[in-house]
PDB file of N, CA and C in Angstrom:
ATOM      1  N   MET A   1     -44.047 -76.911  27.751  1.00  0.00           N
ATOM      2  CA  MET A   1     -45.348 -76.383  28.089  1.00  0.00           C
ATOM      3  C   MET A   1     -45.551 -75.038  27.380  1.00  0.00           C
ATOM      4  N   ILE A   2     -46.633 -74.907  26.663  1.00  0.00           N
ATOM      5  CA  ILE A   2     -46.954 -73.684  25.936  1.00  0.00           C
ATOM      6  C   ILE A   2     -47.907 -72.838  26.784  1.00  0.00           C
ATOM      7  N   ALA A   3     -47.630 -71.550  26.865  1.00  0.00           N
ATOM      8  CA  ALA A   3     -48.486 -70.611  27.599  1.00  0.00           C
ATOM      9  C   ALA A   3     -48.564 -69.328  26.774  1.00  0.00           C
ATOM     10  N   LEU A   4     -49.348 -68.389  27.227  1.00  0.00           N
ATOM     11  CA  LEU A   4     -49.449 -67.096  26.548  1.00  0.00           C
ATOM     12  C   LEU A   4     -48.592 -66.069  27.273  1.00  0.00           C
ATOM     13  N   LEU A   5     -48.000 -65.183  26.515  1.00  0.00           N
ATOM     14  CA  LEU A   5     -47.091 -64.187  27.071  1.00  0.00           C
ATOM     15  C   LEU A   5     -47.775 -63.285  28.097  1.00  0.00           C
ATOM     16  N   ASP A   6     -49.041 -62.991  27.926  1.00  0.00           N
ATOM     17  CA  ASP A   6     -49.711 -62.099  28.881  1.00  0.00           C
ATOM     18  C   ASP A   6     -49.855 -62.731  30.269  1.00  0.00           C
ATOM     19  N   LYS A   7     -49.653 -64.047  30.376  1.00  0.00           N
ATOM     20  CA  LYS A   7     -49.730 -64.755  31.665  1.00  0.00           C
ATOM     21  C   LYS A   7     -48.357 -65.205  32.155  1.00  0.00           C
ATOM     22  N   ALA A   8     -47.296 -64.841  31.450  1.00  0.00           N
ATOM     23  CA  ALA A   8     -45.949 -65.305  31.778  1.00  0.00           C
ATOM     24  C   ALA A   8     -45.451 -64.727  33.101  1.00  0.00           C
ATOM     25  N   PRO A   9     -44.673 -65.507  33.835  1.00  0.00           N
ATOM     26  CA  PRO A   9     -44.082 -64.977  35.065  1.00  0.00           C
ATOM     27  C   PRO A   9     -43.038 -63.910  34.728  1.00  0.00           C
ATOM     28  N   LEU A  10     -42.928 -62.930  35.580  1.00  0.00           N
ATOM     29  CA  LEU A  10     -41.974 -61.846  35.360  1.00  0.00           C
ATOM     30  C   LEU A  10     -40.575 -62.295  35.763  1.00  0.00           C
ATOM     31  N   GLY A  11     -39.577 -61.814  35.031  1.00  0.00           N
ATOM     32  CA  GLY A  11     -38.190 -62.104  35.358  1.00  0.00           C
ATOM     33  C   GLY A  11     -37.694 -63.469  34.937  1.00  0.00           C
ATOM     34  N   VAL A  12     -38.481 -64.182  34.146  1.00  0.00           N
ATOM     35  CA  VAL A  12     -38.096 -65.521  33.676  1.00  0.00           C
ATOM     36  C   VAL A  12     -38.015 -65.492  32.150  1.00  0.00           C
ATOM     37  N   ALA A  13     -36.850 -65.843  31.612  1.00  0.00           N
ATOM     38  CA  ALA A  13     -36.669 -65.853  30.163  1.00  0.00           C
ATOM     39  C   ALA A  13     -37.497 -66.972  29.541  1.00  0.00           C
ATOM     40  N   VAL A  14     -38.126 -66.670  28.408  1.00  0.00           N
ATOM     41  CA  VAL A  14     -38.943 -67.626  27.669  1.00  0.00           C
ATOM     42  C   VAL A  14     -38.648 -67.486  26.176  1.00  0.00           C
ATOM     43  N   ARG A  15     -39.099 -68.451  25.408  1.00  0.00           N
ATOM     44  CA  ARG A  15     -38.920 -68.418  23.942  1.00  0.00           C
ATOM     45  C   ARG A  15     -40.297 -68.299  23.294  1.00  0.00           C
ATOM     46  N   ILE A  16     -40.381 -67.507  22.242  1.00  0.00           N
ATOM     47  CA  ILE A  16     -41.634 -67.381  21.495  1.00  0.00           C
ATOM     48  C   ILE A  16     -41.820 -68.626  20.646  1.00  0.00           C
ATOM     49  N   ALA A  17     -42.930 -69.322  20.872  1.00  0.00           N
ATOM     50  CA  ALA A  17     -43.231 -70.546  20.126  1.00  0.00           C
ATOM     51  C   ALA A  17     -44.056 -70.234  18.879  1.00  0.00           C
ATOM     52  N   ARG A  18     -45.032 -69.333  19.013  1.00  0.00           N
ATOM     53  CA  ARG A  18     -45.915 -69.007  17.884  1.00  0.00           C
ATOM     54  C   ARG A  18     -46.556 -67.660  18.133  1.00  0.00           C
ATOM     55  N   ILE A  19     -46.804 -66.930  17.062  1.00  0.00           N
ATOM     56  CA  ILE A  19     -47.490 -65.640  17.152  1.00  0.00           C
ATOM     57  C   ILE A  19     -48.706 -65.692  16.240  1.00  0.00           C
ATOM     58  N   ASN A  20     -49.850 -65.346  16.789  1.00  0.00           N
ATOM     59  CA  ASN A  20     -51.085 -65.290  16.004  1.00  0.00           C
ATOM     60  C   ASN A  20     -51.179 -63.881  15.398  1.00  0.00           C
ATOM     61  N   TRP A  21     -50.599 -63.711  14.230  1.00  0.00           N
ATOM     62  CA  TRP A  21     -50.570 -62.401  13.578  1.00  0.00           C
ATOM     63  C   TRP A  21     -51.969 -61.932  13.210  1.00  0.00           C
ATOM     64  N   ASN A  22     -52.909 -62.846  13.022  1.00  0.00           N
ATOM     65  CA  ASN A  22     -54.280 -62.473  12.664  1.00  0.00           C
ATOM     66  C   ASN A  22     -55.027 -61.814  13.813  1.00  0.00           C
ATOM     67  N   ALA A  23     -54.511 -61.946  15.038  1.00  0.00           N
ATOM     68  CA  ALA A  23     -55.175 -61.369  16.207  1.00  0.00           C
ATOM     69  C   ALA A  23     -54.858 -59.890  16.396  1.00  0.00           C
ATOM     70  N   MET A  24     -54.024 -59.345  15.510  1.00  0.00           N
ATOM     71  CA  MET A  24     -53.655 -57.930  15.624  1.00  0.00           C
ATOM     72  C   MET A  24     -53.691 -57.265  14.253  1.00  0.00           C
ATOM     73  N   SER A  25     -53.691 -55.962  14.270  1.00  0.00           N
ATOM     74  CA  SER A  25     -53.724 -55.216  13.008  1.00  0.00           C
ATOM     75  C   SER A  25     -52.391 -55.353  12.277  1.00  0.00           C
ATOM     76  N   ASP A  26     -52.395 -55.007  11.001  1.00  0.00           N
ATOM     77  CA  ASP A  26     -51.161 -55.043  10.213  1.00  0.00           C
ATOM     78  C   ASP A  26     -50.100 -54.123  10.812  1.00  0.00           C
ATOM     79  N   ASP A  27     -50.519 -52.944  11.278  1.00  0.00           N
ATOM     80  CA  ASP A  27     -49.569 -51.998  11.879  1.00  0.00           C
ATOM     81  C   ASP A  27     -48.957 -52.562  13.162  1.00  0.00           C
ATOM     82  N   GLU A  28     -49.792 -53.203  13.996  1.00  0.00           N
ATOM     83  CA  GLU A  28     -49.272 -53.805  15.227  1.00  0.00           C
ATOM     84  C   GLU A  28     -48.276 -54.913  14.899  1.00  0.00           C
ATOM     85  N   GLY A  29     -48.621 -55.763  13.945  1.00  0.00           N
ATOM     86  CA  GLY A  29     -47.727 -56.844  13.537  1.00  0.00           C
ATOM     87  C   GLY A  29     -46.411 -56.320  12.992  1.00  0.00           C
ATOM     88  N   ARG A  30     -46.497 -55.293  12.161  1.00  0.00           N
ATOM     89  CA  ARG A  30     -45.269 -54.697  11.596  1.00  0.00           C
ATOM     90  C   ARG A  30     -44.390 -54.147  12.707  1.00  0.00           C
ATOM     91  N   ARG A  31     -45.007 -53.459  13.677  1.00  0.00           N
ATOM     92  CA  ARG A  31     -44.259 -52.866  14.791  1.00  0.00           C
ATOM     93  C   ARG A  31     -43.555 -53.957  15.612  1.00  0.00           C
ATOM     94  N   LEU A  32     -44.260 -55.035  15.905  1.00  0.00           N
ATOM     95  CA  LEU A  32     -43.647 -56.109  16.680  1.00  0.00           C
ATOM     96  C   LEU A  32     -42.506 -56.774  15.918  1.00  0.00           C
ATOM     97  N   ARG A  33     -42.674 -56.950  14.614  1.00  0.00           N
ATOM     98  CA  ARG A  33     -41.591 -57.525  13.792  1.00  0.00           C
ATOM     99  C   ARG A  33     -40.376 -56.596  13.779  1.00  0.00           C
ATOM    100  N   GLU A  34     -40.614 -55.285  13.716  1.00  0.00           N
ATOM    101  CA  GLU A  34     -39.505 -54.329  13.736  1.00  0.00           C
ATOM    102  C   GLU A  34     -38.716 -54.408  15.043  1.00  0.00           C
ATOM    103  N   PHE A  35     -39.399 -54.750  16.128  1.00  0.00           N
ATOM    104  CA  PHE A  35     -38.734 -54.921  17.417  1.00  0.00           C
ATOM    105  C   PHE A  35     -38.006 -56.255  17.522  1.00  0.00           C
ATOM    106  N   GLY A  36     -38.232 -57.144  16.566  1.00  0.00           N
ATOM    107  CA  GLY A  36     -37.572 -58.442  16.576  1.00  0.00           C
ATOM    108  C   GLY A  36     -38.381 -59.547  17.220  1.00  0.00           C
ATOM    109  N   LEU A  37     -39.667 -59.302  17.465  1.00  0.00           N
ATOM    110  CA  LEU A  37     -40.518 -60.341  18.039  1.00  0.00           C
ATOM    111  C   LEU A  37     -40.904 -61.324  16.932  1.00  0.00           C
ATOM    112  N   MET A  38     -40.256 -62.475  16.938  1.00  0.00           N
ATOM    113  CA  MET A  38     -40.499 -63.508  15.945  1.00  0.00           C
ATOM    114  C   MET A  38     -40.435 -64.865  16.627  1.00  0.00           C
ATOM    115  N   GLU A  39     -40.977 -65.892  15.993  1.00  0.00           N
ATOM    116  CA  GLU A  39     -40.904 -67.238  16.526  1.00  0.00           C
ATOM    117  C   GLU A  39     -39.441 -67.619  16.746  1.00  0.00           C
ATOM    118  N   GLY A  40     -39.159 -68.243  17.896  1.00  0.00           N
ATOM    119  CA  GLY A  40     -37.799 -68.662  18.224  1.00  0.00           C
ATOM    120  C   GLY A  40     -37.012 -67.644  19.018  1.00  0.00           C
ATOM    121  N   CYS A  41     -37.498 -66.428  19.104  1.00  0.00           N
ATOM    122  CA  CYS A  41     -36.821 -65.339  19.813  1.00  0.00           C
ATOM    123  C   CYS A  41     -36.934 -65.544  21.328  1.00  0.00           C
ATOM    124  N   GLU A  42     -35.856 -65.289  22.053  1.00  0.00           N
ATOM    125  CA  GLU A  42     -35.878 -65.358  23.509  1.00  0.00           C
ATOM    126  C   GLU A  42     -36.169 -63.976  24.073  1.00  0.00           C
ATOM    127  N   ILE A  43     -37.101 -63.923  25.026  1.00  0.00           N
ATOM    128  CA  ILE A  43     -37.501 -62.655  25.633  1.00  0.00           C
ATOM    129  C   ILE A  43     -37.637 -62.847  27.142  1.00  0.00           C
ATOM    130  N   MET A  44     -37.695 -61.735  27.872  1.00  0.00           N
ATOM    131  CA  MET A  44     -37.934 -61.798  29.306  1.00  0.00           C
ATOM    132  C   MET A  44     -38.950 -60.739  29.702  1.00  0.00           C
ATOM    133  N   PRO A  45     -40.120 -61.155  30.190  1.00  0.00           N
ATOM    134  CA  PRO A  45     -41.100 -60.199  30.701  1.00  0.00           C
ATOM    135  C   PRO A  45     -40.531 -59.519  31.956  1.00  0.00           C
ATOM    136  N   LEU A  46     -40.601 -58.186  32.003  1.00  0.00           N
ATOM    137  CA  LEU A  46     -40.018 -57.445  33.123  1.00  0.00           C
ATOM    138  C   LEU A  46     -41.049 -56.972  34.137  1.00  0.00           C
ATOM    139  N   HIS A  47     -42.055 -56.258  33.661  1.00  0.00           N
ATOM    140  CA  HIS A  47     -43.102 -55.771  34.571  1.00  0.00           C
ATOM    141  C   HIS A  47     -44.347 -55.427  33.784  1.00  0.00           C
ATOM    142  N   ARG A  48     -45.455 -55.364  34.525  1.00  0.00           N
ATOM    143  CA  ARG A  48     -46.749 -55.069  33.917  1.00  0.00           C
ATOM    144  C   ARG A  48     -47.264 -53.749  34.451  1.00  0.00           C
ATOM    145  N   GLY A  49     -47.938 -53.007  33.617  1.00  0.00           N
ATOM    146  CA  GLY A  49     -48.644 -51.774  33.914  1.00  0.00           C
ATOM    147  C   GLY A  49     -48.485 -51.185  35.288  1.00  0.00           C
ATOM    148  N   SER A  50     -49.595 -51.038  35.958  1.00  0.00           N
ATOM    149  CA  SER A  50     -49.605 -50.396  37.263  1.00  0.00           C
ATOM    150  C   SER A  50     -50.370 -51.267  38.250  1.00  0.00           C
ATOM    151  N   ILE A  51     -50.600 -50.735  39.398  1.00  0.00           N
ATOM    152  CA  ILE A  51     -51.356 -51.454  40.427  1.00  0.00           C
ATOM    153  C   ILE A  51     -52.756 -51.797  39.930  1.00  0.00           C
ATOM    154  N   PHE A  52     -53.341 -50.920  39.132  1.00  0.00           N
ATOM    155  CA  PHE A  52     -54.729 -51.070  38.709  1.00  0.00           C
ATOM    156  C   PHE A  52     -54.905 -51.743  37.360  1.00  0.00           C
ATOM    157  N   SER A  53     -53.820 -51.974  36.644  1.00  0.00           N
ATOM    158  CA  SER A  53     -53.937 -52.515  35.293  1.00  0.00           C
ATOM    159  C   SER A  53     -52.762 -53.421  34.975  1.00  0.00           C
ATOM    160  N   ARG A  54     -53.000 -54.426  34.120  1.00  0.00           N
ATOM    161  CA  ARG A  54     -51.919 -55.307  33.659  1.00  0.00           C
ATOM    162  C   ARG A  54     -51.398 -54.833  32.300  1.00  0.00           C
ATOM    163  N   ASP A  55     -51.811 -53.677  31.871  1.00  0.00           N
ATOM    164  CA  ASP A  55     -51.436 -53.154  30.564  1.00  0.00           C
ATOM    165  C   ASP A  55     -50.585 -51.914  30.749  1.00  0.00           C
ATOM    166  N   PRO A  56     -49.515 -51.725  30.085  1.00  0.00           N
ATOM    167  CA  PRO A  56     -48.863 -52.599  29.114  1.00  0.00           C
ATOM    168  C   PRO A  56     -47.890 -53.562  29.791  1.00  0.00           C
ATOM    169  N   LEU A  57     -47.204 -54.362  28.968  1.00  0.00           N
ATOM    170  CA  LEU A  57     -46.212 -55.318  29.440  1.00  0.00           C
ATOM    171  C   LEU A  57     -44.853 -54.891  28.909  1.00  0.00           C
ATOM    172  N   ALA A  58     -43.891 -54.753  29.813  1.00  0.00           N
ATOM    173  CA  ALA A  58     -42.517 -54.426  29.410  1.00  0.00           C
ATOM    174  C   ALA A  58     -41.729 -55.722  29.316  1.00  0.00           C
ATOM    175  N   LEU A  59     -40.920 -55.851  28.273  1.00  0.00           N
ATOM    176  CA  LEU A  59     -40.094 -57.039  28.137  1.00  0.00           C
ATOM    177  C   LEU A  59     -38.766 -56.696  27.499  1.00  0.00           C
ATOM    178  N   THR A  60     -37.822 -57.602  27.671  1.00  0.00           N
ATOM    179  CA  THR A  60     -36.496 -57.441  27.096  1.00  0.00           C
ATOM    180  C   THR A  60     -36.362 -58.386  25.914  1.00  0.00           C
ATOM    181  N   ILE A  61     -35.853 -57.833  24.807  1.00  0.00           N
ATOM    182  CA  ILE A  61     -35.517 -58.617  23.624  1.00  0.00           C
ATOM    183  C   ILE A  61     -34.042 -58.319  23.366  1.00  0.00           C
ATOM    184  N   GLY A  62     -33.175 -59.259  23.670  1.00  0.00           N
ATOM    185  CA  GLY A  62     -31.745 -58.986  23.577  1.00  0.00           C
ATOM    186  C   GLY A  62     -31.382 -57.891  24.576  1.00  0.00           C
ATOM    187  N   ARG A  63     -30.802 -56.801  24.089  1.00  0.00           N
ATOM    188  CA  ARG A  63     -30.449 -55.676  24.964  1.00  0.00           C
ATOM    189  C   ARG A  63     -31.498 -54.578  24.947  1.00  0.00           C
ATOM    190  N   MET A  64     -32.563 -54.768  24.203  1.00  0.00           N
ATOM    191  CA  MET A  64     -33.588 -53.746  24.035  1.00  0.00           C
ATOM    192  C   MET A  64     -34.779 -54.010  24.957  1.00  0.00           C
ATOM    193  N   LYS A  65     -35.330 -52.946  25.530  1.00  0.00           N
ATOM    194  CA  LYS A  65     -36.561 -53.041  26.307  1.00  0.00           C
ATOM    195  C   LYS A  65     -37.702 -52.525  25.450  1.00  0.00           C
ATOM    196  N   VAL A  66     -38.804 -53.276  25.431  1.00  0.00           N
ATOM    197  CA  VAL A  66     -39.944 -52.980  24.580  1.00  0.00           C
ATOM    198  C   VAL A  66     -41.212 -53.034  25.421  1.00  0.00           C
ATOM    199  N   ILE A  67     -42.163 -52.177  25.097  1.00  0.00           N
ATOM    200  CA  ILE A  67     -43.466 -52.171  25.749  1.00  0.00           C
ATOM    201  C   ILE A  67     -44.497 -52.628  24.720  1.00  0.00           C
ATOM    202  N   ILE A  68     -45.314 -53.626  25.103  1.00  0.00           N
ATOM    203  CA  ILE A  68     -46.400 -54.070  24.228  1.00  0.00           C
ATOM    204  C   ILE A  68     -47.698 -54.098  25.030  1.00  0.00           C
ATOM    205  N   ARG A  69     -48.794 -54.083  24.322  1.00  0.00           N
ATOM    206  CA  ARG A  69     -50.108 -54.124  24.966  1.00  0.00           C
ATOM    207  C   ARG A  69     -50.458 -55.549  25.379  1.00  0.00           C
ATOM    208  N   SER A  70     -51.333 -55.664  26.370  1.00  0.00           N
ATOM    209  CA  SER A  70     -51.753 -56.992  26.858  1.00  0.00           C
ATOM    210  C   SER A  70     -52.422 -57.808  25.765  1.00  0.00           C
ATOM    211  N   ASN A  71     -53.231 -57.165  24.915  1.00  0.00           N
ATOM    212  CA  ASN A  71     -53.898 -57.929  23.845  1.00  0.00           C
ATOM    213  C   ASN A  71     -52.888 -58.460  22.829  1.00  0.00           C
ATOM    214  N   GLN A  72     -51.781 -57.739  22.625  1.00  0.00           N
ATOM    215  CA  GLN A  72     -50.731 -58.247  21.750  1.00  0.00           C
ATOM    216  C   GLN A  72     -50.019 -59.433  22.412  1.00  0.00           C
ATOM    217  N   ALA A  73     -49.736 -59.296  23.702  1.00  0.00           N
ATOM    218  CA  ALA A  73     -49.079 -60.376  24.440  1.00  0.00           C
ATOM    219  C   ALA A  73     -49.942 -61.636  24.461  1.00  0.00           C
ATOM    220  N   ALA A  74     -51.269 -61.464  24.481  1.00  0.00           N
ATOM    221  CA  ALA A  74     -52.184 -62.606  24.489  1.00  0.00           C
ATOM    222  C   ALA A  74     -52.164 -63.373  23.164  1.00  0.00           C
ATOM    223  N   ALA A  75     -51.617 -62.786  22.120  1.00  0.00           N
ATOM    224  CA  ALA A  75     -51.527 -63.438  20.811  1.00  0.00           C
ATOM    225  C   ALA A  75     -50.190 -64.144  20.625  1.00  0.00           C
ATOM    226  N   ILE A  76     -49.341 -64.126  21.667  1.00  0.00           N
ATOM    227  CA  ILE A  76     -48.001 -64.708  21.563  1.00  0.00           C
ATOM    228  C   ILE A  76     -47.901 -65.924  22.480  1.00  0.00           C
ATOM    229  N   GLU A  77     -47.674 -67.092  21.898  1.00  0.00           N
ATOM    230  CA  GLU A  77     -47.487 -68.303  22.669  1.00  0.00           C
ATOM    231  C   GLU A  77     -46.006 -68.439  22.997  1.00  0.00           C
ATOM    232  N   ILE A  78     -45.729 -68.795  24.238  1.00  0.00           N
ATOM    233  CA  ILE A  78     -44.336 -68.932  24.691  1.00  0.00           C
ATOM    234  C   ILE A  78     -44.090 -70.333  25.231  1.00  0.00           C
ATOM    235  N   GLU A  79     -42.821 -70.678  25.340  1.00  0.00           N
ATOM    236  CA  GLU A  79     -42.426 -71.944  25.941  1.00  0.00           C
ATOM    237  C   GLU A  79     -41.195 -71.710  26.803  1.00  0.00           C
ATOM    238  N   ALA A  80     -40.989 -72.608  27.752  1.00  0.00           N
ATOM    239  CA  ALA A  80     -39.827 -72.513  28.618  1.00  0.00           C
ATOM    240  C   ALA A  80     -38.564 -72.775  27.797  1.00  0.00           C
ATOM    241  N   ILE A  81     -37.484 -72.183  28.232  1.00  0.00           N
ATOM    242  CA  ILE A  81     -36.198 -72.405  27.585  1.00  0.00           C
ATOM    243  C   ILE A  81     -35.526 -73.582  28.299  1.00  0.00           C
ATOM    244  N   THR A  82     -35.231 -74.602  27.541  1.00  0.00           N
ATOM    245  CA  THR A  82     -34.569 -75.763  28.125  1.00  0.00           C
ATOM    246  C   THR A  82     -33.103 -75.744  27.754  1.00  0.00           C
ATOM    247  N   ALA A  83     -32.287 -76.094  28.697  1.00  0.00           N
ATOM    248  CA  ALA A  83     -30.829 -76.032  28.488  1.00  0.00           C
ATOM    249  C   ALA A  83     -30.318 -77.177  27.656  1.00  0.00           C
TER     250      ALA A  83
END
């Protein structure tokens, strides 16, 4: 099942299926690539913004914690990790 990262449940590891690089600026895309966000990468959404906002989204990539914006997360399609 494919879903968008901005709607992903927290605390559940998922795999990046596809990233719509055209939905973000070149600088945003470069920054996400530098963090290791690529198709096939396993990530875990940790928490979202505050009580009043869903922005930003914190996630784990390997041992690193990264913060991305909700609009960036909406450009990332994810899938469940099957054993």
